[in-house]
All heavy atoms as atom14 arrays in JSON, in Angstrom:
{
  "sequence": "VYCMNNETRDTMSQLITIKHTKLERKTPFFVVATQDDCDEL",
  "atom14_mask": [
    [1, 1, 1, 1, 1, 1, 1, 0, 0, 0, 0, 0, 0, 0],
    [1, 1, 1, 1, 1, 1, 1, 1, 1, 1, 1, 1, 0, 0],
    [1, 1, 1, 1, 1, 1, 0, 0, 0, 0, 0, 0, 0, 0],
    [1, 1, 1, 1, 1, 1, 1, 1, 0, 0, 0, 0, 0, 0],
    [1, 1, 1, 1, 1, 1, 1, 1, 0, 0, 0, 0, 0, 0],
    [1, 1, 1, 1, 1, 1, 1, 1, 0, 0, 0, 0, 0, 0],
    [1, 1, 1, 1, 1, 1, 1, 1, 1, 0, 0, 0, 0, 0],
    [1, 1, 1, 1, 1, 1, 1, 0, 0, 0, 0, 0, 0, 0],
    [1, 1, 1, 1, 1, 1, 1, 1, 1, 1, 1, 0, 0, 0],
    [1, 1, 1, 1, 1, 1, 1, 1, 0, 0, 0, 0, 0, 0],
    [1, 1, 1, 1, 1, 1, 1, 0, 0, 0, 0, 0, 0, 0],
    [1, 1, 1, 1, 1, 1, 1, 1, 0, 0, 0, 0, 0, 0],
    [1, 1, 1, 1, 1, 1, 0, 0, 0, 0, 0, 0, 0, 0],
    [1, 1, 1, 1, 1, 1, 1, 1, 1, 0, 0, 0, 0, 0],
    [1, 1, 1, 1, 1, 1, 1, 1, 0, 0, 0, 0, 0, 0],
    [1, 1, 1, 1, 1, 1, 1, 1, 0, 0, 0, 0, 0, 0],
    [1, 1, 1, 1, 1, 1, 1, 0, 0, 0, 0, 0, 0, 0],
    [1, 1, 1, 1, 1, 1, 1, 1, 0, 0, 0, 0, 0, 0],
    [1, 1, 1, 1, 1, 1, 1, 1, 1, 0, 0, 0, 0, 0],
    [1, 1, 1, 1, 1, 1, 1, 1, 1, 1, 0, 0, 0, 0],
    [1, 1, 1, 1, 1, 1, 1, 0, 0, 0, 0, 0, 0, 0],
    [1, 1, 1, 1, 1, 1, 1, 1, 1, 0, 0, 0, 0, 0],
    [1, 1, 1, 1, 1, 1, 1, 1, 0, 0, 0, 0, 0, 0],
    [1, 1, 1, 1, 1, 1, 1, 1, 1, 0, 0, 0, 0, 0],
    [1, 1, 1, 1, 1, 1, 1, 1, 1, 1, 1, 0, 0, 0],
    [1, 1, 1, 1, 1, 1, 1, 1, 1, 0, 0, 0, 0, 0],
    [1, 1, 1, 1, 1, 1, 1, 0, 0, 0, 0, 0, 0, 0],
    [1, 1, 1, 1, 1, 1, 1, 0, 0, 0, 0, 0, 0, 0],
    [1, 1, 1, 1, 1, 1, 1, 1, 1, 1, 1, 0, 0, 0],
    [1, 1, 1, 1, 1, 1, 1, 1, 1, 1, 1, 0, 0, 0],
    [1, 1, 1, 1, 1, 1, 1, 0, 0, 0, 0, 0, 0, 0],
    [1, 1, 1, 1, 1, 1, 1, 0, 0, 0, 0, 0, 0, 0],
    [1, 1, 1, 1, 1, 0, 0, 0, 0, 0, 0, 0, 0, 0],
    [1, 1, 1, 1, 1, 1, 1, 0, 0, 0, 0, 0, 0, 0],
    [1, 1, 1, 1, 1, 1, 1, 1, 1, 0, 0, 0, 0, 0],
    [1, 1, 1, 1, 1, 1, 1, 1, 0, 0, 0, 0, 0, 0],
    [1, 1, 1, 1, 1, 1, 1, 1, 0, 0, 0, 0, 0, 0],
    [1, 1, 1, 1, 1, 1, 0, 0, 0, 0, 0, 0, 0, 0],
    [1, 1, 1, 1, 1, 1, 1, 1, 0, 0, 0, 0, 0, 0],
    [1, 1, 1, 1, 1, 1, 1, 1, 1, 0, 0, 0, 0, 0],
    [1, 1, 1, 1, 1, 1, 1, 1, 0, 0, 0, 0, 0, 0]
  ],
  "atom14_positions": [
    [[42.22, -40.39, 37.23], [42.64, -40.68, 35.86], [41.92, -39.72, 34.92], [40.7, -39.74, 34.81], [42.33, -42.14, 35.47], [42.77, -42.4, 34.03], [43.05, -43.11, 36.42], [0.0, 0.0, 0.0], [0.0, 0.0, 0.0], [0.0, 0.0, 0.0], [0.0, 0.0, 0.0], [0.0, 0.0, 0.0], [0.0, 0.0, 0.0], [0.0, 0.0, 0.0]],
    [[42.7, -38.87, 34.27], [42.18, -37.87, 33.35], [42.23, -38.45, 31.94], [43.31, -38.59, 31.36], [43.02, -36.6, 33.46], [42.55, -35.43, 32.61], [41.24, -35.32, 32.16], [43.45, -34.41, 32.29], [40.83, -34.24, 31.4], [43.04, -33.31, 31.54], [41.74, -33.23, 31.1], [41.33, -32.16, 30.33], [0.0, 0.0, 0.0], [0.0, 0.0, 0.0]],
    [[41.07, -38.82, 31.41], [40.97, -39.45, 30.08], [40.68, -38.37, 29.05], [39.54, -37.97, 28.84], [39.87, -40.51, 30.09], [40.07, -41.76, 31.38], [0.0, 0.0, 0.0], [0.0, 0.0, 0.0], [0.0, 0.0, 0.0], [0.0, 0.0, 0.0], [0.0, 0.0, 0.0], [0.0, 0.0, 0.0], [0.0, 0.0, 0.0], [0.0, 0.0, 0.0]],
    [[41.7, -37.9, 28.38], [41.59, -36.72, 27.52], [41.1, -37.08, 26.12], [41.47, -38.1, 25.56], [42.95, -36.01, 27.42], [43.44, -35.4, 28.71], [45.0, -34.49, 28.48], [44.44, -33.12, 27.44], [0.0, 0.0, 0.0], [0.0, 0.0, 0.0], [0.0, 0.0, 0.0], [0.0, 0.0, 0.0], [0.0, 0.0, 0.0], [0.0, 0.0, 0.0]],
    [[40.28, -36.16, 25.58], [39.84, -36.27, 24.19], [39.21, -34.94, 23.79], [38.1, -34.61, 24.21], [38.83, -37.4, 24.01], [38.39, -37.54, 22.57], [39.2, -37.43, 21.65], [37.11, -37.78, 22.35], [0.0, 0.0, 0.0], [0.0, 0.0, 0.0], [0.0, 0.0, 0.0], [0.0, 0.0, 0.0], [0.0, 0.0, 0.0], [0.0, 0.0, 0.0]],
    [[39.94, -34.16, 23.0], [39.44, -32.85, 22.56], [39.01, -31.98, 23.74], [37.94, -31.36, 23.73], [38.26, -33.02, 21.59], [38.66, -33.74, 20.32], [39.77, -33.54, 19.8], [37.78, -34.59, 19.81], [0.0, 0.0, 0.0], [0.0, 0.0, 0.0], [0.0, 0.0, 0.0], [0.0, 0.0, 0.0], [0.0, 0.0, 0.0], [0.0, 0.0, 0.0]],
    [[39.84, -31.92, 24.77], [39.51, -31.13, 25.95], [39.7, -29.64, 25.68], [40.6, -29.25, 24.93], [40.42, -31.54, 27.13], [40.44, -33.02, 27.43], [39.16, -33.52, 28.06], [38.43, -32.71, 28.64], [38.91, -34.73, 27.98], [0.0, 0.0, 0.0], [0.0, 0.0, 0.0], [0.0, 0.0, 0.0], [0.0, 0.0, 0.0], [0.0, 0.0, 0.0]],
    [[38.86, -28.83, 26.29], [39.05, -27.38, 26.2], [40.13, -26.95, 27.18], [40.41, -27.63, 28.18], [37.75, -26.64, 26.54], [37.43, -26.85, 27.93], [36.6, -27.13, 25.66], [0.0, 0.0, 0.0], [0.0, 0.0, 0.0], [0.0, 0.0, 0.0], [0.0, 0.0, 0.0], [0.0, 0.0, 0.0], [0.0, 0.0, 0.0], [0.0, 0.0, 0.0]],
    [[40.74, -25.81, 26.91], [41.74, -25.27, 27.84], [41.11, -24.92, 29.18], [41.78, -25.01, 30.22], [42.44, -24.06, 27.23], [43.34, -24.4, 26.05], [44.07, -23.17, 25.52], [45.03, -22.67, 26.47], [46.28, -23.12, 26.58], [46.71, -24.11, 25.81], [47.11, -22.58, 27.46], [0.0, 0.0, 0.0], [0.0, 0.0, 0.0], [0.0, 0.0, 0.0]],
    [[39.83, -24.55, 29.18], [39.16, -24.25, 30.45], [39.11, -25.49, 31.33], [39.36, -25.42, 32.54], [37.74, -23.74, 30.2], [37.72, -22.3, 29.71], [38.76, -21.63, 29.83], [36.67, -21.86, 29.21], [0.0, 0.0, 0.0], [0.0, 0.0, 0.0], [0.0, 0.0, 0.0], [0.0, 0.0, 0.0], [0.0, 0.0, 0.0], [0.0, 0.0, 0.0]],
    [[38.76, -26.64, 30.73], [38.7, -27.88, 31.51], [40.07, -28.24, 32.04], [40.21, -28.63, 33.22], [38.16, -29.02, 30.63], [36.83, -28.71, 30.21], [38.13, -30.33, 31.42], [0.0, 0.0, 0.0], [0.0, 0.0, 0.0], [0.0, 0.0, 0.0], [0.0, 0.0, 0.0], [0.0, 0.0, 0.0], [0.0, 0.0, 0.0], [0.0, 0.0, 0.0]],
    [[41.1, -28.12, 31.2], [42.45, -28.44, 31.66], [42.86, -27.5, 32.78], [43.47, -27.93, 33.78], [43.43, -28.37, 30.49], [43.26, -29.49, 29.48], [44.57, -29.54, 28.22], [44.01, -28.25, 27.11], [0.0, 0.0, 0.0], [0.0, 0.0, 0.0], [0.0, 0.0, 0.0], [0.0, 0.0, 0.0], [0.0, 0.0, 0.0], [0.0, 0.0, 0.0]],
    [[42.53, -26.23, 32.67], [42.87, -25.25, 33.71], [42.16, -25.57, 35.02], [42.74, -25.42, 36.1], [42.49, -23.83, 33.25], [43.24, -23.45, 32.13], [0.0, 0.0, 0.0], [0.0, 0.0, 0.0], [0.0, 0.0, 0.0], [0.0, 0.0, 0.0], [0.0, 0.0, 0.0], [0.0, 0.0, 0.0], [0.0, 0.0, 0.0], [0.0, 0.0, 0.0]],
    [[40.91, -26.02, 34.93], [40.18, -26.39, 36.14], [40.88, -27.54, 36.87], [41.03, -27.52, 38.1], [38.75, -26.8, 35.79], [37.87, -25.64, 35.38], [36.44, -26.09, 35.16], [35.69, -26.23, 36.12], [36.06, -26.31, 33.92], [0.0, 0.0, 0.0], [0.0, 0.0, 0.0], [0.0, 0.0, 0.0], [0.0, 0.0, 0.0], [0.0, 0.0, 0.0]],
    [[41.31, -28.54, 36.12], [41.98, -29.68, 36.74], [43.33, -29.27, 37.33], [43.73, -29.78, 38.39], [42.16, -30.8, 35.73], [40.89, -31.64, 35.53], [40.95, -32.44, 34.25], [40.68, -32.57, 36.72], [0.0, 0.0, 0.0], [0.0, 0.0, 0.0], [0.0, 0.0, 0.0], [0.0, 0.0, 0.0], [0.0, 0.0, 0.0], [0.0, 0.0, 0.0]],
    [[44.02, -28.36, 36.67], [45.28, -27.85, 37.23], [45.02, -27.14, 38.55], [45.75, -27.3, 39.53], [45.97, -26.9, 36.22], [46.46, -27.71, 35.01], [47.14, -26.17, 36.86], [46.89, -26.85, 33.84], [0.0, 0.0, 0.0], [0.0, 0.0, 0.0], [0.0, 0.0, 0.0], [0.0, 0.0, 0.0], [0.0, 0.0, 0.0], [0.0, 0.0, 0.0]],
    [[43.95, -26.35, 38.6], [43.57, -25.68, 39.84], [43.29, -26.68, 40.94], [43.76, -26.54, 42.08], [42.3, -24.82, 39.62], [42.53, -23.92, 38.55], [41.96, -24.04, 40.87], [0.0, 0.0, 0.0], [0.0, 0.0, 0.0], [0.0, 0.0, 0.0], [0.0, 0.0, 0.0], [0.0, 0.0, 0.0], [0.0, 0.0, 0.0], [0.0, 0.0, 0.0]],
    [[42.51, -27.7, 40.63], [42.19, -28.73, 41.61], [43.45, -29.42, 42.1], [43.64, -29.64, 43.3], [41.2, -29.75, 41.0], [39.85, -29.08, 40.78], [41.06, -30.97, 41.91], [38.89, -29.89, 39.93], [0.0, 0.0, 0.0], [0.0, 0.0, 0.0], [0.0, 0.0, 0.0], [0.0, 0.0, 0.0], [0.0, 0.0, 0.0], [0.0, 0.0, 0.0]],
    [[44.32, -29.76, 41.17], [45.56, -30.46, 41.52], [46.39, -29.66, 42.53], [46.93, -30.21, 43.49], [46.37, -30.7, 40.24], [47.8, -31.19, 40.45], [47.88, -32.66, 40.77], [49.33, -33.12, 40.76], [49.45, -34.57, 40.95], [0.0, 0.0, 0.0], [0.0, 0.0, 0.0], [0.0, 0.0, 0.0], [0.0, 0.0, 0.0], [0.0, 0.0, 0.0]],
    [[46.48, -28.34, 42.3], [47.41, -27.54, 43.08], [46.8, -26.83, 44.28], [47.54, -26.44, 45.19], [48.08, -26.5, 42.18], [49.03, -27.09, 41.19], [50.15, -27.8, 41.55], [49.02, -27.08, 39.83], [50.8, -28.2, 40.47], [50.12, -27.79, 39.41], [0.0, 0.0, 0.0], [0.0, 0.0, 0.0], [0.0, 0.0, 0.0], [0.0, 0.0, 0.0]],
    [[45.48, -26.65, 44.3], [44.92, -25.82, 45.37], [43.75, -26.45, 46.11], [43.39, -25.97, 47.18], [44.43, -24.46, 44.81], [43.32, -24.68, 43.93], [45.54, -23.76, 44.05], [0.0, 0.0, 0.0], [0.0, 0.0, 0.0], [0.0, 0.0, 0.0], [0.0, 0.0, 0.0], [0.0, 0.0, 0.0], [0.0, 0.0, 0.0], [0.0, 0.0, 0.0]],
    [[43.12, -27.49, 45.57], [41.88, -27.98, 46.15], [41.99, -29.34, 46.83], [41.02, -29.82, 47.41], [40.79, -28.07, 45.06], [40.41, -26.72, 44.45], [39.8, -25.81, 45.47], [39.34, -24.5, 44.85], [38.78, -23.58, 45.87], [0.0, 0.0, 0.0], [0.0, 0.0, 0.0], [0.0, 0.0, 0.0], [0.0, 0.0, 0.0], [0.0, 0.0, 0.0]],
    [[43.14, -29.97, 46.8], [43.26, -31.31, 47.36], [43.59, -31.24, 48.84], [44.51, -30.53, 49.25], [44.34, -32.12, 46.63], [44.09, -32.41, 45.14], [45.2, -33.28, 44.6], [42.74, -33.08, 44.95], [0.0, 0.0, 0.0], [0.0, 0.0, 0.0], [0.0, 0.0, 0.0], [0.0, 0.0, 0.0], [0.0, 0.0, 0.0], [0.0, 0.0, 0.0]],
    [[42.83, -31.99, 49.64], [43.13, -32.09, 51.07], [44.33, -33.02, 51.31], [45.0, -32.93, 52.32], [41.9, -32.59, 51.83], [40.72, -31.62, 51.73], [39.49, -32.16, 52.44], [39.58, -33.26, 53.02], [38.45, -31.49, 52.39], [0.0, 0.0, 0.0], [0.0, 0.0, 0.0], [0.0, 0.0, 0.0], [0.0, 0.0, 0.0], [0.0, 0.0, 0.0]],
    [[44.58, -33.9, 50.39], [45.75, -34.78, 50.44], [46.2, -35.0, 49.01], [45.44, -34.79, 48.07], [45.4, -36.13, 51.08], [44.26, -36.85, 50.39], [43.91, -38.13, 51.12], [42.71, -38.74, 50.58], [42.69, -39.52, 49.51], [43.81, -39.79, 48.87], [41.57, -40.05, 49.09], [0.0, 0.0, 0.0], [0.0, 0.0, 0.0], [0.0, 0.0, 0.0]],
    [[47.44, -35.38, 48.85], [47.98, -35.54, 47.51], [47.39, -36.79, 46.86], [47.5, -37.88, 47.39], [49.5, -35.64, 47.53], [50.1, -35.8, 46.14], [51.6, -35.68, 46.17], [52.19, -36.06, 44.81], [51.7, -35.23, 43.72], [0.0, 0.0, 0.0], [0.0, 0.0, 0.0], [0.0, 0.0, 0.0], [0.0, 0.0, 0.0], [0.0, 0.0, 0.0]],
    [[46.75, -36.61, 45.75], [46.2, -37.72, 44.97], [46.97, -37.79, 43.66], [47.02, -36.8, 42.93], [44.71, -37.49, 44.67], [43.99, -37.36, 45.9], [44.15, -38.66, 43.86], [0.0, 0.0, 0.0], [0.0, 0.0, 0.0], [0.0, 0.0, 0.0], [0.0, 0.0, 0.0], [0.0, 0.0, 0.0], [0.0, 0.0, 0.0], [0.0, 0.0, 0.0]],
    [[47.58, -38.92, 43.34], [48.3, -39.03, 42.06], [47.34, -38.83, 40.89], [46.23, -39.34, 40.88], [48.85, -40.46, 42.07], [48.89, -40.85, 43.51], [47.73, -40.14, 44.15], [0.0, 0.0, 0.0], [0.0, 0.0, 0.0], [0.0, 0.0, 0.0], [0.0, 0.0, 0.0], [0.0, 0.0, 0.0], [0.0, 0.0, 0.0], [0.0, 0.0, 0.0]],
    [[47.79, -38.07, 39.89], [47.02, -37.82, 38.68], [47.66, -38.58, 37.52], [48.82, -38.36, 37.2], [46.98, -36.32, 38.35], [45.92, -35.55, 39.08], [45.64, -35.78, 40.42], [45.21, -34.54, 38.44], [44.68, -35.06, 41.1], [44.24, -33.8, 39.1], [43.98, -34.07, 40.44], [0.0, 0.0, 0.0], [0.0, 0.0, 0.0], [0.0, 0.0, 0.0]],
    [[46.88, -39.46, 36.9], [47.3, -40.16, 35.69], [46.61, -39.49, 34.51], [45.43, -39.11, 34.61], [46.88, -41.63, 35.74], [47.77, -42.51, 36.58], [48.02, -42.22, 37.91], [48.36, -43.65, 36.04], [48.83, -43.03, 38.68], [49.16, -44.48, 36.8], [49.4, -44.16, 38.13], [0.0, 0.0, 0.0], [0.0, 0.0, 0.0], [0.0, 0.0, 0.0]],
    [[47.31, -39.36, 33.4], [46.73, -38.79, 32.18], [46.77, -39.84, 31.08], [47.83, -40.4, 30.79], [47.49, -37.53, 31.73], [46.96, -37.04, 30.38], [47.35, -36.42, 32.77], [0.0, 0.0, 0.0], [0.0, 0.0, 0.0], [0.0, 0.0, 0.0], [0.0, 0.0, 0.0], [0.0, 0.0, 0.0], [0.0, 0.0, 0.0], [0.0, 0.0, 0.0]],
    [[45.59, -40.14, 30.51], [45.49, -41.05, 29.38], [45.2, -40.19, 28.15], [44.13, -39.59, 28.04], [44.38, -42.09, 29.58], [44.29, -43.03, 28.38], [44.61, -42.88, 30.86], [0.0, 0.0, 0.0], [0.0, 0.0, 0.0], [0.0, 0.0, 0.0], [0.0, 0.0, 0.0], [0.0, 0.0, 0.0], [0.0, 0.0, 0.0], [0.0, 0.0, 0.0]],
    [[46.16, -40.1, 27.23], [46.02, -39.16, 26.12], [47.04, -39.48, 25.04], [47.92, -40.33, 25.21], [46.24, -37.73, 26.62], [0.0, 0.0, 0.0], [0.0, 0.0, 0.0], [0.0, 0.0, 0.0], [0.0, 0.0, 0.0], [0.0, 0.0, 0.0], [0.0, 0.0, 0.0], [0.0, 0.0, 0.0], [0.0, 0.0, 0.0], [0.0, 0.0, 0.0]],
    [[46.9, -38.78, 23.93], [47.92, -38.86, 22.9], [49.17, -38.12, 23.38], [49.11, -37.31, 24.32], [47.43, -38.23, 21.59], [47.21, -36.82, 21.81], [46.14, -38.89, 21.11], [0.0, 0.0, 0.0], [0.0, 0.0, 0.0], [0.0, 0.0, 0.0], [0.0, 0.0, 0.0], [0.0, 0.0, 0.0], [0.0, 0.0, 0.0], [0.0, 0.0, 0.0]],
    [[50.28, -38.36, 22.72], [51.51, -37.66, 23.1], [51.35, -36.15, 22.92], [51.81, -35.37, 23.76], [52.67, -38.17, 22.25], [54.03, -37.6, 22.67], [54.42, -38.04, 24.07], [54.61, -39.22, 24.31], [54.54, -37.09, 24.99], [0.0, 0.0, 0.0], [0.0, 0.0, 0.0], [0.0, 0.0, 0.0], [0.0, 0.0, 0.0], [0.0, 0.0, 0.0]],
    [[50.67, -35.73, 21.87], [50.47, -34.3, 21.63], [49.67, -33.66, 22.74], [49.98, -32.54, 23.2], [49.77, -34.07, 20.28], [50.67, -34.35, 19.09], [51.91, -34.43, 19.29], [50.15, -34.49, 17.97], [0.0, 0.0, 0.0], [0.0, 0.0, 0.0], [0.0, 0.0, 0.0], [0.0, 0.0, 0.0], [0.0, 0.0, 0.0], [0.0, 0.0, 0.0]],
    [[48.6, -34.34, 23.2], [47.79, -33.79, 24.28], [48.58, -33.72, 25.59], [48.45, -32.76, 26.36], [46.52, -34.62, 24.48], [45.47, -34.35, 23.42], [45.55, -33.29, 22.77], [44.57, -35.18, 23.25], [0.0, 0.0, 0.0], [0.0, 0.0, 0.0], [0.0, 0.0, 0.0], [0.0, 0.0, 0.0], [0.0, 0.0, 0.0], [0.0, 0.0, 0.0]],
    [[49.38, -34.74, 25.84], [50.22, -34.73, 27.05], [51.2, -33.56, 27.01], [51.41, -32.88, 28.02], [50.97, -36.05, 27.18], [49.95, -37.45, 27.67], [0.0, 0.0, 0.0], [0.0, 0.0, 0.0], [0.0, 0.0, 0.0], [0.0, 0.0, 0.0], [0.0, 0.0, 0.0], [0.0, 0.0, 0.0], [0.0, 0.0, 0.0], [0.0, 0.0, 0.0]],
    [[51.77, -33.32, 25.84], [52.72, -32.22, 25.69], [52.02, -30.87, 25.91], [52.57, -29.97, 26.55], [53.36, -32.25, 24.3], [54.28, -33.45, 24.12], [54.68, -34.06, 25.14], [54.58, -33.79, 22.96], [0.0, 0.0, 0.0], [0.0, 0.0, 0.0], [0.0, 0.0, 0.0], [0.0, 0.0, 0.0], [0.0, 0.0, 0.0], [0.0, 0.0, 0.0]],
    [[50.79, -30.74, 25.37], [50.04, -29.5, 25.54], [49.71, -29.25, 27.01], [49.82, -28.12, 27.52], [48.75, -29.56, 24.73], [47.88, -28.31, 24.8], [48.52, -27.1, 24.16], [49.43, -27.26, 23.31], [48.13, -25.97, 24.53], [0.0, 0.0, 0.0], [0.0, 0.0, 0.0], [0.0, 0.0, 0.0], [0.0, 0.0, 0.0], [0.0, 0.0, 0.0]],
    [[49.3, -30.3, 27.71], [48.99, -30.18, 29.13], [50.23, -29.83, 29.94], [50.19, -29.03, 30.88], [48.37, -31.48, 29.63], [47.83, -31.52, 31.06], [46.8, -30.43, 31.28], [47.24, -32.88, 31.36], [0.0, 0.0, 0.0], [0.0, 0.0, 0.0], [0.0, 0.0, 0.0], [0.0, 0.0, 0.0], [0.0, 0.0, 0.0], [0.0, 0.0, 0.0]]
  ]
}
């Protein structure tokens, strides 16, 4: 569960990397954020 609040683009990029390249098995990612932050991500 990614609880967003004024996240930097570097942090978001790191999580994207983990999601797509570092998982040994698929783990669902939930995002808790404002609509604007969800759209940006």
